[in-house]
Amino acid sequence: MKRMLRRYMLIWDAGRGSTPPPDGYPELAAERVVYADEDDRQFVPDDYAGGGYHEVIQHVSLDAPKRLPPETLARVRRQRLERRMRARYPLLADEMIAAEVERNQAYYDGITDADISQAADAVLVSEAAERERLLGLVGRGVIWYCDPDALRTWILQRRAERLRELGLPVIAAAQLNRDSARSDREPQLIDLRGSGSLEQDADAVIFLHTDDGKMTFNPRPVLMLVAS
């Protein structure tokens, strides 16, 4: 049984590269590597999804890829070419095969050119180095390549801007601090958990308040306080 790694990545634009990431943010914002058969937990909070960054999952085999020798590769490629041409052009198969081999001589010779062989060896070395790097990340949790709080703030701001462009309202519910919830006075902005960010980002902050501070299912007057 093959031993596999599962690599979670937070990548700008999922690798499509239509526009570059904002200044100060890399293409790869974060990654996490686990053994594929041992862990399937969430990679990053949902707040980090969207805004140009997307979660991508990649499976990586720890086994080195098998490379056929040039002679075997050449034989397999010529056999496939012959089957394809005889199926498509039964009367002109020999001529079509000869023409195709002449156009791509190196390919049907098993890529024996020295420069191409050196390039293939370089790919093997880089693949092995990447597997070693990923193995070093196993068990280390999420590796961030930029400030995660700054990235989250930027993503949320970008989402909000897009929603404003579309004319769509966003309503967020927030809790009161425990001390203020027990007091008899009307709620204020400072009573909200995370009041600083809410006051900065929200166009309006509205409190629903009753005289005794308790909500029930029975009909009763509820005061709506616009605090911002």
Protein backbone atom coordinates (compact mmCIF):
# COMPACT_ATOMS: atom_id res chain seq x y z
CA MET A 1 0.00 0.00 0.00
CA LYS A 2 1.35 3.40 -1.00
CA ARG A 3 2.02 5.94 1.74
CA MET A 4 0.44 9.26 0.81
CA LEU A 5 0.59 12.79 2.14
CA ARG A 6 -2.32 15.22 2.05
CA ARG A 7 -1.23 18.80 1.50
CA TYR A 8 -3.64 21.64 2.31
CA MET A 9 -2.81 24.98 0.73
CA LEU A 10 -4.30 28.46 0.87
CA ILE A 11 -3.45 29.72 -2.63
CA TRP A 12 -4.13 33.03 -4.29
CA ASP A 13 -6.80 32.63 -6.98
CA ALA A 14 -6.38 28.81 -6.77
CA GLY A 15 -3.34 29.01 -9.03
CA ARG A 16 -5.19 30.54 -11.99
CA GLY A 17 -3.02 33.65 -11.85
CA SER A 18 -5.54 36.07 -13.34
CA THR A 19 -4.39 38.91 -11.07
CA PRO A 20 -1.46 39.08 -8.63
CA PRO A 21 -2.10 39.02 -4.86
CA PRO A 22 -2.10 42.33 -2.96
CA ASP A 23 1.18 43.84 -1.86
CA GLY A 24 2.72 41.97 1.04
CA TYR A 25 0.76 38.76 0.46
CA PRO A 26 2.35 35.70 -1.22
CA GLU A 27 0.86 33.30 -3.77
CA LEU A 28 0.95 30.57 -1.10
CA ALA A 29 -0.44 32.07 2.12
CA ALA A 30 -0.41 28.92 4.26
CA GLU A 31 -0.01 25.18 4.06
CA ARG A 32 -0.41 22.13 6.24
CA VAL A 33 0.83 18.59 5.53
CA VAL A 34 -0.48 15.40 7.14
CA TYR A 35 -0.45 11.70 6.37
CA ALA A 36 -3.48 11.08 4.18
CA ASP A 37 -4.77 8.13 6.22
CA GLU A 38 -4.36 9.74 9.65
CA ASP A 39 -5.88 13.22 9.57
CA ASP A 40 -8.84 14.90 7.92
CA ARG A 41 -9.43 17.97 10.07
CA GLN A 42 -10.31 21.42 8.83
CA PHE A 43 -7.31 23.28 7.44
CA VAL A 44 -8.10 26.95 8.16
CA PRO A 45 -11.20 28.76 9.51
CA ASP A 46 -13.91 29.53 6.96
CA ASP A 47 -13.20 33.26 7.34
CA TYR A 48 -10.00 32.80 5.33
CA ALA A 49 -11.79 31.32 2.32
CA GLY A 50 -12.71 33.70 -0.46
CA GLY A 51 -11.45 37.18 -1.15
CA GLY A 52 -9.05 35.82 -3.78
CA TYR A 53 -7.58 33.00 -1.68
CA HIS A 54 -8.86 29.44 -1.99
CA GLU A 55 -8.19 26.20 -0.16
CA VAL A 56 -6.59 23.55 -2.37
CA ILE A 57 -5.92 19.92 -1.42
CA GLN A 58 -3.11 17.97 -3.07
CA HIS A 59 -2.21 14.32 -2.58
CA VAL A 60 1.49 13.50 -2.76
CA SER A 61 2.91 9.99 -2.98
CA LEU A 62 6.02 9.25 -0.93
CA ASP A 63 7.07 6.70 -3.53
CA ALA A 64 9.40 7.99 -6.22
CA PRO A 65 7.76 7.89 -9.66
CA LYS A 66 8.85 5.02 -11.85
CA ARG A 67 10.81 5.96 -14.97
CA LEU A 68 10.90 3.53 -17.87
CA PRO A 69 14.22 3.08 -19.69
CA PRO A 70 14.37 4.81 -23.10
CA GLU A 71 14.18 1.51 -25.03
CA THR A 72 10.97 0.45 -23.28
CA LEU A 73 9.48 3.92 -23.59
CA ALA A 74 10.22 4.01 -27.32
CA ARG A 75 8.64 0.58 -27.88
CA VAL A 76 5.47 1.47 -25.96
CA ARG A 77 5.06 4.79 -27.79
CA ARG A 78 5.51 3.21 -31.22
CA GLN A 79 3.03 0.46 -30.39
CA ARG A 80 0.44 3.00 -29.34
CA LEU A 81 1.08 5.06 -32.45
CA GLU A 82 0.65 2.02 -34.67
CA ARG A 83 -2.64 0.98 -33.04
CA ARG A 84 -3.99 4.52 -33.32
CA MET A 85 -3.05 5.00 -36.96
CA ARG A 86 -4.28 1.58 -38.11
CA ALA A 87 -7.61 2.23 -36.44
CA ARG A 88 -8.00 5.69 -38.00
CA TYR A 89 -6.33 5.23 -41.40
CA PRO A 90 -6.33 1.50 -42.25
CA LEU A 91 -5.30 2.07 -45.89
CA LEU A 92 -2.62 4.72 -45.21
CA ALA A 93 -1.39 3.55 -41.82
CA ASP A 94 2.26 2.93 -42.82
CA GLU A 95 2.65 6.33 -44.45
CA MET A 96 0.99 8.11 -41.53
CA ILE A 97 3.18 6.29 -38.98
CA ALA A 98 6.35 7.16 -40.88
CA ALA A 99 5.36 10.83 -41.14
CA GLU A 100 4.52 11.05 -37.44
CA VAL A 101 7.79 9.41 -36.38
CA GLU A 102 9.75 11.79 -38.63
CA ARG A 103 8.04 14.82 -37.03
CA ASN A 104 8.74 13.63 -33.47
CA GLN A 105 11.86 11.49 -33.81
CA ALA A 106 13.17 12.10 -30.28
CA TYR A 107 9.81 11.27 -28.70
CA TYR A 108 9.48 7.93 -30.50
CA ASP A 109 13.12 7.12 -29.78
CA GLY A 110 12.37 7.23 -26.07
CA ILE A 111 13.75 10.76 -25.53
CA THR A 112 17.40 9.80 -25.71
CA ASP A 113 18.66 13.32 -26.33
CA ALA A 114 21.27 14.20 -23.68
CA ASP A 115 19.80 17.60 -22.83
CA ILE A 116 16.31 16.13 -22.41
CA SER A 117 17.72 13.37 -20.20
CA GLN A 118 19.45 15.93 -17.99
CA ALA A 119 16.19 17.86 -17.68
CA ALA A 120 14.39 14.65 -16.68
CA ASP A 121 17.05 13.95 -14.03
CA ALA A 122 16.65 17.49 -12.68
CA VAL A 123 12.89 16.91 -12.36
CA LEU A 124 13.54 13.73 -10.36
CA VAL A 125 15.88 15.60 -8.00
CA SER A 126 13.41 18.47 -7.48
CA GLU A 127 10.52 16.05 -6.86
CA ALA A 128 12.57 14.19 -4.24
CA ALA A 129 13.54 17.47 -2.56
CA GLU A 130 9.87 18.57 -2.45
CA ARG A 131 8.84 15.28 -0.85
CA GLU A 132 11.53 15.73 1.81
CA ARG A 133 10.34 19.29 2.48
CA LEU A 134 6.72 18.17 2.86
CA LEU A 135 7.73 15.37 5.21
CA GLY A 136 9.41 17.99 7.39
CA LEU A 137 6.06 19.82 7.71
CA VAL A 138 4.11 16.77 8.96
CA GLY A 139 2.85 17.35 12.49
CA ARG A 140 3.74 21.05 12.59
CA GLY A 141 0.20 22.36 12.17
CA VAL A 142 -0.59 25.21 9.80
CA ILE A 143 2.48 26.98 8.42
CA TRP A 144 1.64 30.62 7.65
CA TYR A 145 3.70 32.61 5.15
CA CYS A 146 2.04 35.91 6.02
CA ASP A 147 0.29 37.43 9.03
CA PRO A 148 -2.94 35.37 9.39
CA ASP A 149 -4.83 38.14 11.23
CA ALA A 150 -3.92 40.75 8.63
CA LEU A 151 -4.90 38.33 5.85
CA ARG A 152 -8.26 37.60 7.49
CA THR A 153 -9.00 41.32 7.90
CA TRP A 154 -8.13 42.03 4.28
CA ILE A 155 -10.31 39.15 3.02
CA LEU A 156 -13.29 40.31 5.09
CA GLN A 157 -12.88 43.88 3.83
CA ARG A 158 -12.71 42.66 0.25
CA ARG A 159 -15.88 40.62 0.74
CA ALA A 160 -17.67 43.62 2.23
CA GLU A 161 -16.64 45.83 -0.71
CA ARG A 162 -17.93 43.26 -3.17
CA LEU A 163 -21.26 42.97 -1.36
CA ARG A 164 -21.63 46.78 -1.36
CA GLU A 165 -21.04 46.79 -5.13
CA LEU A 166 -23.86 44.25 -5.52
CA GLY A 167 -26.15 46.21 -3.18
CA LEU A 168 -26.53 43.27 -0.78
CA PRO A 169 -26.98 43.93 2.96
CA VAL A 170 -24.92 42.04 5.53
CA ILE A 171 -26.40 41.48 9.00
CA ALA A 172 -24.18 40.18 11.82
CA ALA A 173 -25.39 39.20 15.29
CA ALA A 174 -23.16 40.03 18.26
CA GLN A 175 -23.23 39.19 21.95
CA LEU A 176 -23.04 41.56 24.89
CA ASN A 177 -20.32 41.25 27.48
CA ARG A 178 -21.43 39.19 30.44
CA ASP A 179 -21.27 42.09 32.93
CA SER A 180 -23.29 44.48 30.78
CA ALA A 181 -25.90 41.80 30.06
CA ARG A 182 -26.67 41.60 33.80
CA SER A 183 -26.98 45.38 34.27
CA ASP A 184 -30.28 47.25 34.07
CA ARG A 185 -29.11 50.10 31.83
CA GLU A 186 -29.51 50.35 28.07
CA PRO A 187 -26.71 48.67 26.07
CA GLN A 188 -23.90 50.71 24.51
CA LEU A 189 -21.22 50.06 21.91
CA ILE A 190 -18.59 49.31 24.55
CA ASP A 191 -20.80 46.45 25.80
CA LEU A 192 -20.36 44.47 22.58
CA ARG A 193 -17.75 41.76 22.26
CA GLY A 194 -15.28 42.93 19.66
CA SER A 195 -16.83 46.41 19.75
CA GLY A 196 -13.77 48.05 18.17
CA SER A 197 -13.92 46.11 14.91
CA LEU A 198 -17.73 46.26 14.79
CA GLU A 199 -17.77 50.02 15.24
CA GLN A 200 -15.13 50.41 12.54
CA ASP A 201 -16.65 48.10 9.92
CA ALA A 202 -20.41 48.39 10.47
CA ASP A 203 -22.54 51.04 8.77
CA ALA A 204 -25.07 50.76 11.62
CA VAL A 205 -25.21 49.07 15.04
CA ILE A 206 -28.71 48.36 16.38
CA PHE A 207 -29.62 47.03 19.84
CA LEU A 208 -32.89 45.26 20.69
CA HIS A 209 -33.67 46.05 24.33
CA THR A 210 -36.44 45.32 26.83
CA ASP A 211 -37.01 46.99 30.19
CA ASP A 212 -36.10 43.90 32.19
CA GLY A 213 -33.37 42.77 29.78
CA LYS A 214 -35.05 39.42 29.10
CA MET A 215 -36.39 38.07 25.83
CA THR A 216 -39.47 35.81 25.80
CA PHE A 217 -41.80 34.36 23.20
CA ASN A 218 -44.72 36.38 24.53
CA PRO A 219 -45.68 39.60 22.69
CA ARG A 220 -44.14 42.62 24.40
CA PRO A 221 -42.67 46.02 23.51
CA VAL A 222 -39.05 45.92 22.35
CA LEU A 223 -36.97 49.07 22.10
CA MET A 224 -34.71 49.41 19.05
CA LEU A 225 -31.64 51.52 19.79
CA VAL A 226 -29.50 52.79 16.92
CA ALA A 227 -26.03 53.21 18.41
CA SER A 228 -24.00 53.94 15.29
